[in-house]
N, C-alpha and C. Protein backbone atom coordinates (compact mmCIF):
# COMPACT_ATOMS: atom_id res chain seq x y z
N MET A 1 0.86 -1.18 -0.04
CA MET A 1 0.02 -0.01 0.02
C MET A 1 0.89 1.25 -0.01
N ASP A 2 0.58 2.22 -0.84
CA ASP A 2 1.30 3.47 -0.79
C ASP A 2 0.68 4.39 0.19
N LYS A 3 1.47 4.96 1.08
CA LYS A 3 0.97 5.85 2.12
C LYS A 3 1.72 7.14 2.03
N GLU A 4 0.99 8.23 1.97
CA GLU A 4 1.63 9.55 1.87
C GLU A 4 2.07 10.02 3.22
N CYS A 5 3.28 10.52 3.31
CA CYS A 5 3.80 11.10 4.55
C CYS A 5 3.12 12.47 4.70
N LEU A 6 2.49 12.70 5.88
CA LEU A 6 1.87 14.02 6.09
C LEU A 6 2.88 15.09 6.38
N GLU A 7 4.11 14.72 6.72
CA GLU A 7 5.20 15.72 7.00
C GLU A 7 5.77 16.28 5.70
N CYS A 8 6.12 15.42 4.74
CA CYS A 8 6.85 15.86 3.59
C CYS A 8 6.11 15.58 2.26
N GLY A 9 5.06 14.75 2.30
CA GLY A 9 4.30 14.50 1.05
C GLY A 9 4.79 13.33 0.23
N MET A 10 5.84 12.72 0.67
CA MET A 10 6.40 11.59 -0.15
C MET A 10 5.49 10.35 0.03
N PHE A 11 5.29 9.58 -1.07
CA PHE A 11 4.56 8.32 -0.96
C PHE A 11 5.51 7.19 -0.61
N ASN A 12 5.17 6.40 0.37
CA ASN A 12 5.99 5.30 0.87
C ASN A 12 5.20 4.02 0.70
N SER A 13 5.85 2.95 0.25
CA SER A 13 5.20 1.65 0.11
C SER A 13 5.36 0.94 1.44
N ILE A 14 4.25 0.73 2.18
CA ILE A 14 4.25 0.07 3.46
C ILE A 14 3.10 -0.91 3.54
N PRO A 15 3.17 -1.85 4.47
CA PRO A 15 2.06 -2.78 4.62
C PRO A 15 0.81 -2.09 5.23
N VAL A 16 -0.32 -2.72 5.02
CA VAL A 16 -1.55 -2.26 5.70
C VAL A 16 -1.41 -2.66 7.15
N PHE A 17 -1.71 -1.69 8.05
CA PHE A 17 -1.55 -1.94 9.45
C PHE A 17 -2.77 -2.60 10.09
N ASP A 18 -2.54 -3.44 11.02
CA ASP A 18 -3.58 -3.92 11.96
C ASP A 18 -3.26 -3.25 13.28
N ILE A 19 -4.29 -2.93 14.06
CA ILE A 19 -4.06 -2.17 15.29
C ILE A 19 -3.10 -2.85 16.26
N THR A 20 -2.99 -4.18 16.19
CA THR A 20 -2.12 -4.91 17.08
C THR A 20 -0.81 -5.32 16.41
N ASP A 21 -0.58 -4.84 15.17
CA ASP A 21 0.59 -5.38 14.42
C ASP A 21 1.34 -4.29 13.69
N TRP A 22 1.41 -3.08 14.22
CA TRP A 22 2.19 -2.04 13.56
C TRP A 22 3.45 -1.84 14.40
N ASN A 23 4.41 -1.27 13.77
CA ASN A 23 5.63 -0.97 14.50
C ASN A 23 6.17 0.40 14.14
N LYS A 24 6.98 0.96 14.98
CA LYS A 24 7.45 2.32 14.80
C LYS A 24 8.63 2.40 13.90
N GLU A 25 8.98 1.30 13.23
CA GLU A 25 10.08 1.34 12.25
C GLU A 25 9.59 1.69 10.85
N ASP A 26 8.28 1.73 10.67
CA ASP A 26 7.76 2.13 9.36
C ASP A 26 7.87 3.64 9.22
N GLN A 27 9.03 4.07 8.68
CA GLN A 27 9.31 5.52 8.59
C GLN A 27 9.28 5.97 7.15
N CYS A 28 9.06 7.25 6.95
CA CYS A 28 9.13 7.82 5.65
C CYS A 28 10.56 7.71 5.11
N LEU A 29 10.68 7.34 3.90
CA LEU A 29 12.00 7.17 3.26
C LEU A 29 12.72 8.52 3.07
N LYS A 30 11.96 9.60 3.00
CA LYS A 30 12.55 10.90 2.81
C LYS A 30 12.91 11.65 4.08
N CYS A 31 11.91 11.77 5.00
CA CYS A 31 12.09 12.58 6.19
C CYS A 31 12.20 11.79 7.48
N GLU A 32 12.05 10.44 7.37
CA GLU A 32 12.18 9.52 8.51
C GLU A 32 11.10 9.71 9.61
N SER A 33 9.99 10.43 9.31
CA SER A 33 8.91 10.48 10.26
C SER A 33 8.25 9.13 10.43
N VAL A 34 7.79 8.80 11.60
CA VAL A 34 7.10 7.56 11.88
C VAL A 34 5.69 7.66 11.30
N LEU A 35 5.41 6.84 10.28
CA LEU A 35 4.15 6.98 9.53
C LEU A 35 2.93 6.66 10.42
N ILE A 36 3.01 5.67 11.26
CA ILE A 36 1.82 5.25 12.01
C ILE A 36 1.42 6.27 13.06
N LEU A 37 2.34 7.14 13.44
CA LEU A 37 2.02 8.14 14.48
C LEU A 37 1.42 9.42 13.88
N GLN A 38 1.43 9.54 12.58
CA GLN A 38 0.88 10.74 11.94
C GLN A 38 -0.63 10.71 11.92
N HIS A 39 -1.25 11.83 11.99
CA HIS A 39 -2.71 11.91 11.92
C HIS A 39 -3.12 13.25 11.30
N ASP A 40 -4.38 13.26 10.85
CA ASP A 40 -4.87 14.49 10.24
C ASP A 40 -5.78 15.23 11.19
N GLY A 41 -5.93 14.83 12.45
CA GLY A 41 -6.76 15.51 13.42
C GLY A 41 -8.24 15.14 13.34
N SER A 42 -8.56 14.20 12.48
CA SER A 42 -10.00 13.92 12.28
C SER A 42 -10.57 12.94 13.33
N THR A 43 -11.90 12.97 13.49
CA THR A 43 -12.59 12.06 14.33
C THR A 43 -13.61 11.32 13.43
N GLN A 44 -13.61 10.02 13.58
CA GLN A 44 -14.58 9.19 12.82
C GLN A 44 -15.61 8.64 13.83
N MET A 45 -16.90 8.77 13.50
CA MET A 45 -17.93 8.22 14.37
C MET A 45 -18.51 6.97 13.77
N VAL A 46 -18.63 5.92 14.60
CA VAL A 46 -19.18 4.65 14.07
C VAL A 46 -20.13 4.08 15.16
N ASP A 47 -21.23 3.53 14.66
CA ASP A 47 -22.23 2.89 15.54
C ASP A 47 -22.08 1.39 15.36
N ILE A 48 -21.67 0.70 16.39
CA ILE A 48 -21.45 -0.76 16.27
C ILE A 48 -22.51 -1.59 17.03
N ALA A 49 -23.54 -0.89 17.54
CA ALA A 49 -24.47 -1.59 18.46
C ALA A 49 -25.90 -1.49 18.12
N HIS A 50 -26.33 -0.75 17.13
CA HIS A 50 -27.76 -0.50 16.97
C HIS A 50 -28.33 -1.08 15.72
N GLY A 51 -27.73 -2.12 15.18
CA GLY A 51 -28.27 -2.77 14.04
C GLY A 51 -28.59 -4.24 14.32
N ARG A 52 -28.97 -4.47 15.55
CA ARG A 52 -29.29 -5.84 16.05
C ARG A 52 -28.01 -6.72 16.00
N GLU A 53 -26.84 -6.14 16.25
CA GLU A 53 -25.62 -6.89 16.19
C GLU A 53 -25.49 -7.79 17.44
N THR A 54 -24.94 -8.95 17.24
CA THR A 54 -24.51 -9.76 18.36
C THR A 54 -23.24 -9.14 18.91
N VAL A 55 -22.81 -9.59 20.11
CA VAL A 55 -21.53 -9.11 20.62
C VAL A 55 -20.40 -9.45 19.67
N ASP A 56 -20.38 -10.64 19.10
CA ASP A 56 -19.30 -11.01 18.14
C ASP A 56 -19.32 -10.10 16.93
N LYS A 57 -20.48 -9.84 16.36
CA LYS A 57 -20.57 -8.96 15.19
C LYS A 57 -20.11 -7.56 15.54
N ALA A 58 -20.49 -7.06 16.69
CA ALA A 58 -20.13 -5.70 17.11
C ALA A 58 -18.58 -5.62 17.29
N MET A 59 -18.02 -6.66 17.83
CA MET A 59 -16.57 -6.67 18.04
C MET A 59 -15.83 -6.76 16.71
N SER A 60 -16.41 -7.51 15.78
CA SER A 60 -15.80 -7.55 14.48
C SER A 60 -15.86 -6.20 13.77
N LYS A 61 -17.00 -5.50 13.92
CA LYS A 61 -17.12 -4.13 13.37
C LYS A 61 -16.15 -3.21 14.06
N LEU A 62 -15.99 -3.30 15.38
CA LEU A 62 -15.01 -2.50 16.06
C LEU A 62 -13.59 -2.68 15.48
N HIS A 63 -13.15 -3.94 15.34
CA HIS A 63 -11.85 -4.16 14.80
C HIS A 63 -11.66 -3.60 13.43
N GLN A 64 -12.70 -3.75 12.57
CA GLN A 64 -12.64 -3.21 11.23
C GLN A 64 -12.49 -1.67 11.25
N HIS A 65 -13.23 -1.01 12.08
CA HIS A 65 -13.17 0.47 12.16
C HIS A 65 -11.85 0.94 12.78
N LEU A 66 -11.35 0.19 13.77
CA LEU A 66 -10.08 0.56 14.34
C LEU A 66 -8.96 0.44 13.31
N ASN A 67 -8.94 -0.64 12.55
CA ASN A 67 -7.93 -0.81 11.52
C ASN A 67 -8.07 0.20 10.41
N ASP A 68 -9.33 0.53 10.01
CA ASP A 68 -9.54 1.57 9.00
C ASP A 68 -8.96 2.91 9.51
N ALA A 69 -9.24 3.21 10.77
CA ALA A 69 -8.78 4.51 11.32
C ALA A 69 -7.29 4.54 11.39
N ILE A 70 -6.62 3.44 11.80
CA ILE A 70 -5.18 3.41 11.89
C ILE A 70 -4.56 3.60 10.47
N ASN A 71 -5.15 3.09 9.47
CA ASN A 71 -4.62 3.15 8.13
C ASN A 71 -5.01 4.45 7.36
N ASN A 72 -5.89 5.25 7.94
CA ASN A 72 -6.32 6.47 7.24
C ASN A 72 -6.05 7.74 8.01
N TYR A 73 -5.07 7.74 8.88
CA TYR A 73 -4.61 8.94 9.59
C TYR A 73 -5.64 9.51 10.53
N THR A 74 -6.63 8.81 10.92
CA THR A 74 -7.66 9.27 11.86
C THR A 74 -7.03 9.35 13.25
N GLN A 75 -7.34 10.46 13.93
CA GLN A 75 -6.81 10.64 15.31
C GLN A 75 -7.72 10.04 16.37
N ARG A 76 -9.05 10.20 16.18
CA ARG A 76 -9.98 9.75 17.23
C ARG A 76 -11.12 8.97 16.60
N LEU A 77 -11.69 8.09 17.40
CA LEU A 77 -12.90 7.38 17.05
C LEU A 77 -13.92 7.69 18.13
N ARG A 78 -15.16 7.91 17.71
CA ARG A 78 -16.30 8.01 18.62
C ARG A 78 -17.16 6.81 18.36
N LEU A 79 -17.20 5.92 19.31
CA LEU A 79 -17.90 4.66 19.19
C LEU A 79 -19.26 4.76 19.86
N ILE A 80 -20.30 4.40 19.14
CA ILE A 80 -21.65 4.34 19.70
C ILE A 80 -21.85 2.85 20.04
N VAL A 81 -21.96 2.55 21.35
CA VAL A 81 -22.02 1.18 21.79
C VAL A 81 -23.24 0.78 22.58
N GLY A 82 -24.11 1.75 22.89
CA GLY A 82 -25.25 1.40 23.69
C GLY A 82 -24.88 1.17 25.14
N GLY A 83 -25.73 0.47 25.87
CA GLY A 83 -25.50 0.35 27.29
C GLY A 83 -25.47 -1.07 27.82
N GLY A 84 -25.37 -2.07 26.95
CA GLY A 84 -25.40 -3.47 27.41
C GLY A 84 -24.13 -4.23 27.30
N LEU A 85 -24.25 -5.49 26.89
CA LEU A 85 -23.09 -6.38 26.82
C LEU A 85 -22.05 -5.90 25.82
N ILE A 86 -22.47 -5.30 24.71
CA ILE A 86 -21.50 -4.80 23.73
C ILE A 86 -20.61 -3.74 24.40
N LYS A 87 -21.18 -2.84 25.11
CA LYS A 87 -20.42 -1.79 25.77
C LYS A 87 -19.38 -2.41 26.75
N ASP A 88 -19.80 -3.41 27.50
CA ASP A 88 -18.92 -4.07 28.44
C ASP A 88 -17.74 -4.71 27.74
N GLU A 89 -18.02 -5.38 26.64
CA GLU A 89 -16.95 -6.07 25.86
C GLU A 89 -15.99 -5.05 25.26
N VAL A 90 -16.55 -4.00 24.70
CA VAL A 90 -15.70 -2.91 24.11
C VAL A 90 -14.81 -2.27 25.15
N LEU A 91 -15.36 -1.96 26.31
CA LEU A 91 -14.56 -1.38 27.39
C LEU A 91 -13.43 -2.28 27.80
N GLY A 92 -13.70 -3.60 27.89
CA GLY A 92 -12.64 -4.54 28.26
C GLY A 92 -11.55 -4.55 27.20
N LEU A 93 -11.94 -4.61 25.99
CA LEU A 93 -10.92 -4.61 24.89
C LEU A 93 -10.09 -3.32 24.84
N LEU A 94 -10.78 -2.20 24.98
CA LEU A 94 -10.07 -0.94 24.95
C LEU A 94 -9.15 -0.79 26.14
N TYR A 95 -9.51 -1.32 27.26
CA TYR A 95 -8.60 -1.30 28.44
C TYR A 95 -7.33 -2.06 28.08
N TYR A 96 -7.49 -3.26 27.47
CA TYR A 96 -6.33 -4.04 27.07
C TYR A 96 -5.49 -3.30 26.04
N TYR A 97 -6.16 -2.73 25.00
CA TYR A 97 -5.46 -1.98 23.97
C TYR A 97 -4.66 -0.78 24.55
N GLN A 98 -5.25 -0.14 25.55
CA GLN A 98 -4.54 0.96 26.18
C GLN A 98 -3.28 0.47 26.97
N GLU A 99 -3.52 -0.61 27.73
CA GLU A 99 -2.38 -1.22 28.46
C GLU A 99 -1.24 -1.65 27.53
N GLN A 100 -1.61 -2.13 26.37
CA GLN A 100 -0.57 -2.59 25.43
C GLN A 100 -0.03 -1.44 24.53
N ARG A 101 -0.59 -0.25 24.76
CA ARG A 101 -0.21 0.98 24.04
C ARG A 101 -0.56 0.92 22.54
N TYR A 102 -1.61 0.19 22.21
CA TYR A 102 -2.13 0.20 20.84
C TYR A 102 -2.95 1.45 20.56
N ILE A 103 -3.58 1.98 21.66
CA ILE A 103 -4.29 3.23 21.61
C ILE A 103 -3.74 4.13 22.73
N VAL A 104 -3.98 5.44 22.57
CA VAL A 104 -3.54 6.41 23.58
C VAL A 104 -4.45 6.35 24.82
N SER A 105 -5.75 6.48 24.62
CA SER A 105 -6.66 6.48 25.73
C SER A 105 -8.08 6.31 25.19
N TYR A 106 -9.01 6.11 26.14
CA TYR A 106 -10.44 6.01 25.85
C TYR A 106 -11.25 6.50 27.06
N SER A 107 -12.45 6.93 26.81
CA SER A 107 -13.28 7.35 27.93
C SER A 107 -14.77 7.29 27.53
N VAL A 108 -15.61 6.95 28.47
CA VAL A 108 -17.04 6.97 28.28
C VAL A 108 -17.45 8.45 28.32
N GLU A 109 -18.25 8.89 27.37
CA GLU A 109 -18.66 10.25 27.33
C GLU A 109 -19.60 10.57 28.52
N SER A 110 -19.39 11.68 29.17
CA SER A 110 -20.17 12.05 30.36
C SER A 110 -21.61 12.37 30.00
N ASN A 111 -21.86 12.95 28.88
CA ASN A 111 -23.19 13.34 28.48
C ASN A 111 -23.97 12.22 27.73
N ASN A 112 -23.31 11.17 27.35
CA ASN A 112 -23.91 10.03 26.63
C ASN A 112 -23.13 8.76 27.01
N THR A 113 -23.59 8.07 27.97
CA THR A 113 -22.82 6.88 28.47
C THR A 113 -22.85 5.71 27.50
N GLY A 114 -23.59 5.81 26.37
CA GLY A 114 -23.56 4.82 25.33
C GLY A 114 -22.57 5.14 24.27
N ALA A 115 -21.71 6.10 24.49
CA ALA A 115 -20.71 6.51 23.52
C ALA A 115 -19.33 6.53 24.21
N ILE A 116 -18.34 6.08 23.45
CA ILE A 116 -16.97 6.01 23.97
C ILE A 116 -16.08 6.73 22.97
N SER A 117 -15.24 7.63 23.53
CA SER A 117 -14.26 8.36 22.73
C SER A 117 -12.89 7.62 22.85
N VAL A 118 -12.33 7.35 21.72
CA VAL A 118 -11.00 6.65 21.69
C VAL A 118 -9.99 7.57 20.99
N ILE A 119 -8.86 7.82 21.66
CA ILE A 119 -7.78 8.57 21.04
C ILE A 119 -6.76 7.57 20.54
N LEU A 120 -6.49 7.53 19.27
CA LEU A 120 -5.59 6.60 18.66
C LEU A 120 -4.16 7.13 18.58
N ARG A 121 -4.01 8.42 18.40
CA ARG A 121 -2.71 9.04 18.27
C ARG A 121 -2.73 10.43 18.91
N HIS A 122 -1.56 10.88 19.37
CA HIS A 122 -1.44 12.25 19.94
C HIS A 122 -1.48 13.27 18.85
């Protein structure tokens, strides 16, 4: 996959990232910026819980959206998870991802407890 460096604009040929399988050695060939840490400041909102999803289907959608965000320079995800089992599973996974440093942080929104904000990059 060709990925444009946001620092210098050069296109670099790098693999598609999975949230649990990227490394900081994927640097721009021109300016040596770490490509996975770059972001465009954007927030992507996704609803993974309101289409009659099972927990497994919702978790599959979560992984897909996390990987898309990692590969498209997205800085933050706003996850709509509802208030039941899906939310509990998502919170457990995000806790693990934060401990492993795959994500920067996450928090349940104070004004909508069915939504979780995830920061992927600083």
